[in-house]
N, C-alpha and C. Protein backbone atom coordinates (compact mmCIF):
# COMPACT_ATOMS: atom_id res chain seq x y z
N MET A 1 140.72 33.13 111.92
CA MET A 1 139.45 33.75 112.11
C MET A 1 138.62 33.62 110.85
N PRO A 2 137.40 33.22 111.06
CA PRO A 2 136.54 33.10 109.90
C PRO A 2 136.10 34.46 109.40
N ASP A 3 135.66 34.52 108.16
CA ASP A 3 135.25 35.78 107.54
C ASP A 3 133.94 36.33 108.11
N ASN A 4 133.08 35.47 108.58
CA ASN A 4 131.79 35.95 109.06
C ASN A 4 131.88 36.54 110.47
N VAL A 5 132.97 36.36 111.15
CA VAL A 5 133.14 36.96 112.47
C VAL A 5 133.73 38.35 112.26
N LYS A 6 133.11 39.27 112.89
CA LYS A 6 133.55 40.65 112.71
C LYS A 6 134.57 41.04 113.76
N ASN A 7 135.50 41.76 113.30
CA ASN A 7 136.50 42.29 114.20
C ASN A 7 135.95 43.57 114.81
N GLU A 8 135.89 43.62 116.12
CA GLU A 8 135.31 44.79 116.80
C GLU A 8 136.15 46.04 116.54
N ASN A 9 137.41 45.89 116.41
CA ASN A 9 138.28 47.03 116.14
C ASN A 9 138.05 47.56 114.73
N ALA A 10 137.75 46.66 113.78
CA ALA A 10 137.53 47.07 112.41
C ALA A 10 136.21 47.81 112.27
N VAL A 11 135.21 47.49 113.06
CA VAL A 11 133.90 48.13 112.98
C VAL A 11 133.97 49.55 113.49
N ASN A 12 134.70 49.81 114.50
CA ASN A 12 134.77 51.14 115.12
C ASN A 12 135.93 51.97 114.58
N THR A 13 136.24 51.83 113.30
CA THR A 13 137.32 52.63 112.74
C THR A 13 136.88 54.06 112.41
N LYS A 14 135.60 54.29 112.31
CA LYS A 14 135.09 55.63 112.00
C LYS A 14 135.24 56.52 113.23
N LYS A 15 135.82 57.72 113.02
CA LYS A 15 136.00 58.63 114.15
C LYS A 15 134.74 59.47 114.35
N THR A 16 134.31 59.61 115.56
CA THR A 16 133.15 60.45 115.87
C THR A 16 133.68 61.79 116.38
N PRO A 17 132.99 62.86 116.03
CA PRO A 17 133.46 64.16 116.51
C PRO A 17 133.32 64.26 118.02
N LYS A 18 134.25 64.96 118.58
CA LYS A 18 134.22 65.15 120.02
C LYS A 18 133.29 66.31 120.37
N MET A 19 132.95 66.45 121.61
CA MET A 19 132.03 67.48 122.06
C MET A 19 132.61 68.88 121.80
N ALA A 20 133.89 69.05 121.87
CA ALA A 20 134.52 70.35 121.64
C ALA A 20 134.30 70.83 120.21
N ASP A 21 134.23 69.91 119.25
CA ASP A 21 134.01 70.29 117.87
C ASP A 21 132.61 70.88 117.66
N PHE A 22 131.63 70.36 118.38
CA PHE A 22 130.26 70.87 118.23
C PHE A 22 130.13 72.30 118.77
N SER A 23 130.85 72.65 119.79
CA SER A 23 130.70 73.98 120.39
C SER A 23 131.34 75.08 119.54
N THR A 24 132.25 74.77 118.67
CA THR A 24 132.88 75.80 117.85
C THR A 24 132.18 75.98 116.51
N ARG A 25 131.30 75.10 116.14
CA ARG A 25 130.58 75.24 114.89
C ARG A 25 129.46 76.27 115.02
N VAL A 26 129.20 77.03 113.94
CA VAL A 26 128.10 77.99 113.91
C VAL A 26 127.10 77.48 112.88
N SER A 27 125.88 77.32 113.33
CA SER A 27 124.87 76.80 112.40
C SER A 27 124.39 77.91 111.48
N LEU A 28 123.66 77.53 110.46
CA LEU A 28 123.14 78.48 109.49
C LEU A 28 122.16 79.46 110.14
N VAL A 29 121.35 78.98 111.05
CA VAL A 29 120.38 79.84 111.74
C VAL A 29 121.10 80.89 112.59
N GLU A 30 122.13 80.47 113.29
CA GLU A 30 122.88 81.43 114.10
C GLU A 30 123.58 82.46 113.22
N LEU A 31 124.09 82.04 112.10
CA LEU A 31 124.73 82.96 111.17
C LEU A 31 123.74 83.99 110.63
N ILE A 32 122.56 83.55 110.30
CA ILE A 32 121.51 84.46 109.83
C ILE A 32 121.12 85.45 110.92
N MET A 33 121.01 84.97 112.15
CA MET A 33 120.67 85.86 113.28
C MET A 33 121.74 86.93 113.47
N ILE A 34 123.00 86.54 113.37
CA ILE A 34 124.10 87.50 113.53
C ILE A 34 124.05 88.54 112.40
N LEU A 35 123.82 88.09 111.18
CA LEU A 35 123.73 89.02 110.06
C LEU A 35 122.55 89.97 110.20
N MET A 36 121.43 89.47 110.72
CA MET A 36 120.27 90.34 110.94
C MET A 36 120.58 91.41 111.99
N LEU A 37 121.26 91.04 113.06
CA LEU A 37 121.61 92.02 114.09
C LEU A 37 122.58 93.07 113.55
N VAL A 38 123.56 92.64 112.78
CA VAL A 38 124.49 93.59 112.16
C VAL A 38 123.75 94.51 111.21
N GLY A 39 122.82 93.97 110.44
CA GLY A 39 122.02 94.78 109.52
C GLY A 39 121.19 95.81 110.26
N LEU A 40 120.57 95.42 111.37
CA LEU A 40 119.78 96.37 112.16
C LEU A 40 120.65 97.50 112.70
N VAL A 41 121.84 97.16 113.15
CA VAL A 41 122.75 98.20 113.67
C VAL A 41 123.08 99.20 112.56
N PHE A 42 123.39 98.69 111.37
CA PHE A 42 123.70 99.58 110.26
C PHE A 42 122.51 100.43 109.85
N VAL A 43 121.32 99.85 109.82
CA VAL A 43 120.12 100.60 109.44
C VAL A 43 119.89 101.75 110.43
N PHE A 44 119.97 101.47 111.71
CA PHE A 44 119.74 102.52 112.68
C PHE A 44 120.86 103.55 112.68
N TYR A 45 122.09 103.11 112.55
CA TYR A 45 123.21 104.04 112.57
C TYR A 45 123.14 105.01 111.39
N PHE A 46 123.02 104.47 110.19
CA PHE A 46 122.98 105.34 109.01
C PHE A 46 121.69 106.14 108.94
N GLY A 47 120.61 105.56 109.43
CA GLY A 47 119.34 106.30 109.48
C GLY A 47 119.43 107.50 110.40
N MET A 48 120.07 107.32 111.54
CA MET A 48 120.22 108.43 112.48
C MET A 48 121.17 109.49 111.94
N LYS A 49 122.21 109.06 111.24
CA LYS A 49 123.12 110.03 110.62
C LYS A 49 122.38 110.87 109.59
N GLN A 50 121.57 110.23 108.76
CA GLN A 50 120.81 110.96 107.74
C GLN A 50 119.80 111.90 108.40
N LEU A 51 119.21 111.47 109.50
CA LEU A 51 118.27 112.32 110.22
C LEU A 51 118.98 113.57 110.76
N GLN A 52 120.19 113.41 111.26
CA GLN A 52 120.96 114.56 111.75
C GLN A 52 121.30 115.52 110.61
N ILE A 53 121.65 114.98 109.45
CA ILE A 53 121.97 115.81 108.29
C ILE A 53 120.72 116.58 107.85
N ASP A 54 119.58 115.90 107.81
CA ASP A 54 118.33 116.55 107.41
C ASP A 54 117.94 117.65 108.39
N LYS A 55 118.11 117.40 109.68
CA LYS A 55 117.79 118.42 110.69
C LYS A 55 118.70 119.64 110.54
N ALA A 56 119.98 119.41 110.26
CA ALA A 56 120.91 120.54 110.08
C ALA A 56 120.53 121.35 108.86
N ASN A 57 120.17 120.69 107.76
CA ASN A 57 119.76 121.41 106.55
C ASN A 57 118.46 122.18 106.78
N GLU A 58 117.54 121.60 107.55
CA GLU A 58 116.30 122.30 107.86
C GLU A 58 116.55 123.53 108.72
N ALA A 59 117.49 123.42 109.66
CA ALA A 59 117.84 124.57 110.50
C ALA A 59 118.44 125.70 109.67
N ILE A 60 119.26 125.36 108.68
CA ILE A 60 119.84 126.37 107.79
C ILE A 60 118.73 127.07 107.00
N ALA A 61 117.79 126.28 106.46
CA ALA A 61 116.68 126.86 105.69
C ALA A 61 115.82 127.76 106.57
N GLN A 62 115.57 127.33 107.81
CA GLN A 62 114.77 128.14 108.72
C GLN A 62 115.48 129.45 109.05
N GLU A 63 116.79 129.40 109.24
CA GLU A 63 117.55 130.62 109.53
C GLU A 63 117.50 131.58 108.35
N LYS A 64 117.65 131.05 107.13
CA LYS A 64 117.58 131.90 105.94
C LYS A 64 116.20 132.55 105.83
N PHE A 65 115.14 131.79 106.15
CA PHE A 65 113.79 132.36 106.07
C PHE A 65 113.57 133.40 107.16
N GLU A 66 114.03 133.11 108.36
CA GLU A 66 113.83 134.06 109.46
C GLU A 66 114.58 135.36 109.23
N ASN A 67 115.63 135.32 108.41
CA ASN A 67 116.38 136.55 108.11
C ASN A 67 115.58 137.51 107.23
N ILE A 68 114.58 137.02 106.49
CA ILE A 68 113.80 137.93 105.64
C ILE A 68 112.52 138.41 106.32
N ILE A 69 112.18 137.88 107.47
CA ILE A 69 110.95 138.31 108.15
C ILE A 69 110.99 139.80 108.50
N PRO A 70 112.11 140.35 108.99
CA PRO A 70 112.14 141.81 109.22
C PRO A 70 111.92 142.60 107.93
N THR A 71 112.44 142.11 106.81
CA THR A 71 112.22 142.80 105.53
C THR A 71 110.74 142.76 105.17
N PHE A 72 110.11 141.61 105.37
CA PHE A 72 108.67 141.50 105.13
C PHE A 72 107.91 142.51 105.98
N LYS A 73 108.27 142.59 107.26
CA LYS A 73 107.57 143.52 108.16
C LYS A 73 107.79 144.97 107.75
N ASN A 74 109.02 145.30 107.31
CA ASN A 74 109.29 146.66 106.84
C ASN A 74 108.44 147.00 105.61
N ILE A 75 108.32 146.07 104.70
CA ILE A 75 107.50 146.30 103.50
C ILE A 75 106.04 146.49 103.90
N ILE A 76 105.54 145.66 104.80
CA ILE A 76 104.13 145.75 105.22
C ILE A 76 103.88 147.09 105.92
N GLU A 77 104.78 147.49 106.81
CA GLU A 77 104.62 148.78 107.50
C GLU A 77 104.66 149.93 106.51
N ALA A 78 105.58 149.88 105.54
CA ALA A 78 105.67 150.94 104.54
C ALA A 78 104.41 150.97 103.67
N MET A 79 103.86 149.82 103.36
CA MET A 79 102.61 149.75 102.57
C MET A 79 101.46 150.40 103.34
N GLU A 80 101.34 150.08 104.61
CA GLU A 80 100.26 150.65 105.42
C GLU A 80 100.44 152.16 105.61
N THR A 81 101.66 152.60 105.79
CA THR A 81 101.94 154.03 105.91
C THR A 81 101.59 154.75 104.61
N TYR A 82 101.94 154.15 103.49
CA TYR A 82 101.62 154.73 102.18
C TYR A 82 100.10 154.83 102.00
N ARG A 83 99.39 153.76 102.38
CA ARG A 83 97.93 153.75 102.21
C ARG A 83 97.27 154.83 103.08
N LYS A 84 97.78 155.02 104.29
CA LYS A 84 97.22 156.04 105.18
C LYS A 84 97.48 157.45 104.64
N ALA A 85 98.63 157.64 104.00
CA ALA A 85 98.98 158.96 103.47
C ALA A 85 98.36 159.23 102.10
N ASP A 86 97.94 158.18 101.39
CA ASP A 86 97.38 158.34 100.06
C ASP A 86 95.99 158.96 100.15
N GLU A 87 95.70 159.90 99.25
CA GLU A 87 94.40 160.60 99.30
C GLU A 87 93.24 159.68 98.95
N PHE A 88 93.51 158.60 98.20
CA PHE A 88 92.45 157.65 97.86
C PHE A 88 92.46 156.40 98.76
N GLY A 89 93.44 156.29 99.63
CA GLY A 89 93.54 155.14 100.53
C GLY A 89 93.98 153.86 99.83
N ASP A 90 94.74 154.02 98.76
CA ASP A 90 95.22 152.85 98.02
C ASP A 90 96.65 152.52 98.40
N TYR A 91 96.98 151.27 98.13
CA TYR A 91 98.36 150.81 98.27
C TYR A 91 99.14 151.27 97.03
N PRO A 92 100.46 151.30 97.10
CA PRO A 92 101.24 151.71 95.92
C PRO A 92 101.11 150.70 94.79
N ALA A 93 101.37 151.14 93.58
CA ALA A 93 101.29 150.26 92.42
C ALA A 93 102.54 149.40 92.29
N PHE A 94 103.67 149.89 92.80
CA PHE A 94 104.94 149.17 92.70
C PHE A 94 105.69 149.26 94.02
N LEU A 95 106.54 148.30 94.29
CA LEU A 95 107.36 148.34 95.50
C LEU A 95 108.36 149.49 95.47
N GLU A 96 108.77 149.89 94.29
CA GLU A 96 109.76 150.94 94.16
C GLU A 96 109.24 152.28 94.69
N GLU A 97 107.93 152.48 94.72
CA GLU A 97 107.35 153.73 95.24
C GLU A 97 107.60 153.90 96.73
N LEU A 98 107.92 152.82 97.42
CA LEU A 98 108.13 152.88 98.86
C LEU A 98 109.53 153.36 99.24
N ASN A 99 110.46 153.39 98.27
CA ASN A 99 111.84 153.83 98.49
C ASN A 99 112.51 153.06 99.64
N LEU A 100 112.40 151.74 99.58
CA LEU A 100 113.01 150.90 100.61
C LEU A 100 114.43 150.48 100.25
N GLY A 101 114.88 150.82 99.07
CA GLY A 101 116.21 150.41 98.63
C GLY A 101 116.17 148.99 98.07
N ASP A 102 117.30 148.32 98.13
CA ASP A 102 117.38 146.96 97.60
C ASP A 102 116.91 145.97 98.67
N ILE A 103 115.73 145.45 98.49
CA ILE A 103 115.16 144.53 99.47
C ILE A 103 115.42 143.07 99.10
N ASN A 104 115.83 142.81 97.87
CA ASN A 104 116.09 141.44 97.43
C ASN A 104 117.41 140.95 98.02
N THR A 105 117.46 139.64 98.28
CA THR A 105 118.68 139.01 98.78
C THR A 105 119.10 137.90 97.81
N ASN A 106 120.18 137.23 98.14
CA ASN A 106 120.60 136.10 97.31
C ASN A 106 119.61 134.95 97.41
N ASP A 107 118.91 134.85 98.54
CA ASP A 107 117.99 133.74 98.77
C ASP A 107 116.55 134.04 98.36
N PHE A 108 116.14 135.31 98.41
CA PHE A 108 114.75 135.66 98.15
C PHE A 108 114.66 136.90 97.26
N LYS A 109 113.63 136.89 96.42
CA LYS A 109 113.31 138.04 95.59
C LYS A 109 111.88 138.45 95.93
N PHE A 110 111.66 139.75 96.16
CA PHE A 110 110.33 140.24 96.55
C PHE A 110 109.60 140.81 95.34
N GLU A 111 108.31 140.52 95.29
CA GLU A 111 107.43 141.05 94.24
C GLU A 111 106.14 141.53 94.90
N TYR A 112 105.46 142.45 94.21
CA TYR A 112 104.19 142.97 94.70
C TYR A 112 103.19 142.97 93.56
N SER A 113 101.97 142.55 93.86
CA SER A 113 100.89 142.58 92.88
C SER A 113 99.83 143.56 93.38
N ALA A 114 99.64 144.65 92.64
CA ALA A 114 98.65 145.66 93.03
C ALA A 114 97.23 145.16 92.79
N ASP A 115 97.06 144.21 91.90
CA ASP A 115 95.72 143.68 91.61
C ASP A 115 95.16 142.86 92.77
N THR A 116 96.01 142.03 93.35
CA THR A 116 95.56 141.14 94.43
C THR A 116 96.01 141.61 95.81
N TYR A 117 96.74 142.70 95.87
CA TYR A 117 97.29 143.23 97.12
C TYR A 117 98.09 142.17 97.87
N THR A 118 99.03 141.56 97.17
CA THR A 118 99.87 140.54 97.79
C THR A 118 101.34 140.88 97.60
N ILE A 119 102.10 140.62 98.65
CA ILE A 119 103.56 140.74 98.62
C ILE A 119 104.09 139.31 98.59
N THR A 120 104.96 139.02 97.64
CA THR A 120 105.45 137.65 97.47
C THR A 120 106.97 137.64 97.56
N ALA A 121 107.47 136.74 98.39
CA ALA A 121 108.91 136.47 98.45
C ALA A 121 109.13 135.13 97.76
N ILE A 122 109.94 135.13 96.72
CA ILE A 122 110.20 133.91 95.94
C ILE A 122 111.63 133.46 96.19
N THR A 123 111.79 132.19 96.53
CA THR A 123 113.13 131.67 96.79
C THR A 123 113.94 131.60 95.51
N GLN A 124 115.23 131.82 95.66
CA GLN A 124 116.18 131.75 94.56
C GLN A 124 117.02 130.48 94.71
N PRO A 125 117.79 130.11 93.69
CA PRO A 125 118.61 128.89 93.80
C PRO A 125 119.58 128.89 94.99
N ALA A 126 120.01 130.05 95.46
CA ALA A 126 120.92 130.12 96.61
C ALA A 126 120.25 129.61 97.89
N PHE A 127 118.93 129.63 97.93
CA PHE A 127 118.20 129.09 99.09
C PHE A 127 118.33 127.58 99.16
N GLY A 128 118.50 126.96 98.03
CA GLY A 128 118.58 125.51 97.98
C GLY A 128 117.54 124.93 97.04
N LYS A 129 116.47 125.67 96.83
CA LYS A 129 115.42 125.28 95.89
C LYS A 129 114.71 126.55 95.45
N ALA A 130 114.66 126.76 94.17
CA ALA A 130 114.02 127.97 93.64
C ALA A 130 112.53 127.73 93.43
N GLY A 131 111.76 128.79 93.58
CA GLY A 131 110.35 128.75 93.22
C GLY A 131 109.36 128.66 94.37
N ILE A 132 109.81 128.54 95.60
CA ILE A 132 108.88 128.53 96.73
C ILE A 132 108.40 129.96 96.94
N LYS A 133 107.09 130.12 97.06
CA LYS A 133 106.53 131.47 97.24
C LYS A 133 105.94 131.60 98.65
N VAL A 134 106.37 132.66 99.32
CA VAL A 134 105.77 133.04 100.60
C VAL A 134 104.97 134.29 100.31
N ILE A 135 103.66 134.18 100.46
CA ILE A 135 102.74 135.25 100.03
C ILE A 135 102.08 135.88 101.26
N TYR A 136 102.13 137.20 101.31
CA TYR A 136 101.41 137.93 102.35
C TYR A 136 100.28 138.70 101.67
N ASN A 137 99.07 138.45 102.10
CA ASN A 137 97.90 139.13 101.56
C ASN A 137 97.59 140.33 102.44
N LEU A 138 97.67 141.53 101.87
CA LEU A 138 97.44 142.75 102.65
C LEU A 138 95.98 142.89 103.09
N SER A 139 95.06 142.36 102.32
CA SER A 139 93.63 142.44 102.67
C SER A 139 93.31 141.54 103.86
N ASP A 140 93.80 140.31 103.81
CA ASP A 140 93.51 139.34 104.87
C ASP A 140 94.51 139.40 106.02
N LYS A 141 95.64 140.07 105.78
CA LYS A 141 96.73 140.11 106.74
C LYS A 141 97.16 138.70 107.15
N SER A 142 97.39 137.87 106.12
CA SER A 142 97.75 136.48 106.38
C SER A 142 98.87 136.02 105.44
N PHE A 143 99.65 135.07 105.91
CA PHE A 143 100.73 134.48 105.14
C PHE A 143 100.28 133.12 104.61
N THR A 144 100.76 132.78 103.42
CA THR A 144 100.59 131.44 102.86
C THR A 144 101.90 131.05 102.16
N VAL A 145 102.09 129.75 102.03
CA VAL A 145 103.28 129.22 101.36
C VAL A 145 102.83 128.36 100.20
N GLU A 146 103.40 128.61 99.02
CA GLU A 146 103.14 127.78 97.85
C GLU A 146 104.45 127.15 97.42
N ASP A 147 104.52 125.84 97.52
CA ASP A 147 105.72 125.10 97.15
C ASP A 147 105.38 124.21 95.96
N PRO A 148 105.99 124.45 94.79
CA PRO A 148 105.66 123.64 93.62
C PRO A 148 106.07 122.17 93.76
N ILE A 149 107.12 121.90 94.51
CA ILE A 149 107.57 120.52 94.72
C ILE A 149 107.78 120.33 96.23
N PRO A 150 106.70 120.07 96.99
CA PRO A 150 106.83 120.00 98.45
C PRO A 150 107.63 118.81 98.95
N ASP A 151 107.79 117.77 98.13
CA ASP A 151 108.54 116.59 98.58
C ASP A 151 110.05 116.81 98.55
N LYS A 152 110.50 117.77 97.73
CA LYS A 152 111.94 118.03 97.61
C LYS A 152 112.35 119.02 98.70
N LYS A 153 113.47 118.74 99.33
CA LYS A 153 113.99 119.59 100.39
C LYS A 153 114.96 120.61 99.78
N PRO A 154 115.17 121.75 100.36
CA PRO A 154 114.52 122.31 101.54
C PRO A 154 113.17 122.91 101.20
N THR A 155 112.37 123.08 102.21
CA THR A 155 111.06 123.69 102.04
C THR A 155 110.83 124.68 103.18
N ILE A 156 109.77 125.44 103.08
CA ILE A 156 109.42 126.41 104.12
C ILE A 156 108.17 125.88 104.81
N LYS A 157 108.25 125.72 106.11
CA LYS A 157 107.13 125.16 106.88
C LYS A 157 106.21 126.29 107.35
N ASP A 158 104.94 125.94 107.50
CA ASP A 158 103.95 126.92 107.96
C ASP A 158 104.26 127.39 109.39
N GLU A 159 104.91 126.55 110.18
CA GLU A 159 105.22 126.93 111.57
C GLU A 159 106.22 128.08 111.62
N TRP A 160 106.98 128.28 110.56
CA TRP A 160 107.98 129.33 110.55
C TRP A 160 107.39 130.71 110.25
N LEU A 161 106.16 130.76 109.77
CA LEU A 161 105.54 132.03 109.38
C LEU A 161 105.23 132.86 110.63
N PRO A 162 105.36 134.18 110.54
CA PRO A 162 105.02 135.04 111.69
C PRO A 162 103.55 134.93 112.04
N GLN A 163 103.27 134.92 113.30
CA GLN A 163 101.89 134.82 113.79
C GLN A 163 101.47 136.15 114.40
N ASP A 164 101.13 137.10 113.55
CA ASP A 164 100.73 138.44 114.04
C ASP A 164 99.25 138.56 114.17
């Protein structure tokens, strides 16, 4: 056989992949799609878990706040009774004049300002965040909330305030 004649068997020595090999391969695009789906599942799963934790913490804070509303109402009623009985129609100068006993709790401390006629409940560290003020104005008969750091949880929402 001359050298310029090609052997057909020698030309086809390269093996071509069979169709079964193509079906088991995963392309880069498919791999990225799978990773994106797994990532979405993790984002939603952990996001929902964190949402449940935040809701539970908010419920605890709301329960702690709702526990002091009767104390607030007792102080307000005692203030109004004192004012009606006072010969000058004034509110007391101090909360101690009302003889309500120990009104402070681990979560809240009550203060009264005779100058502005406001009763203030200030959160303590046991509440979860110290320094939130719930203020009741005796003149306006209205509640307000002052939170020095409103972005930090827990906080007191306006919806939780009594609507009298």
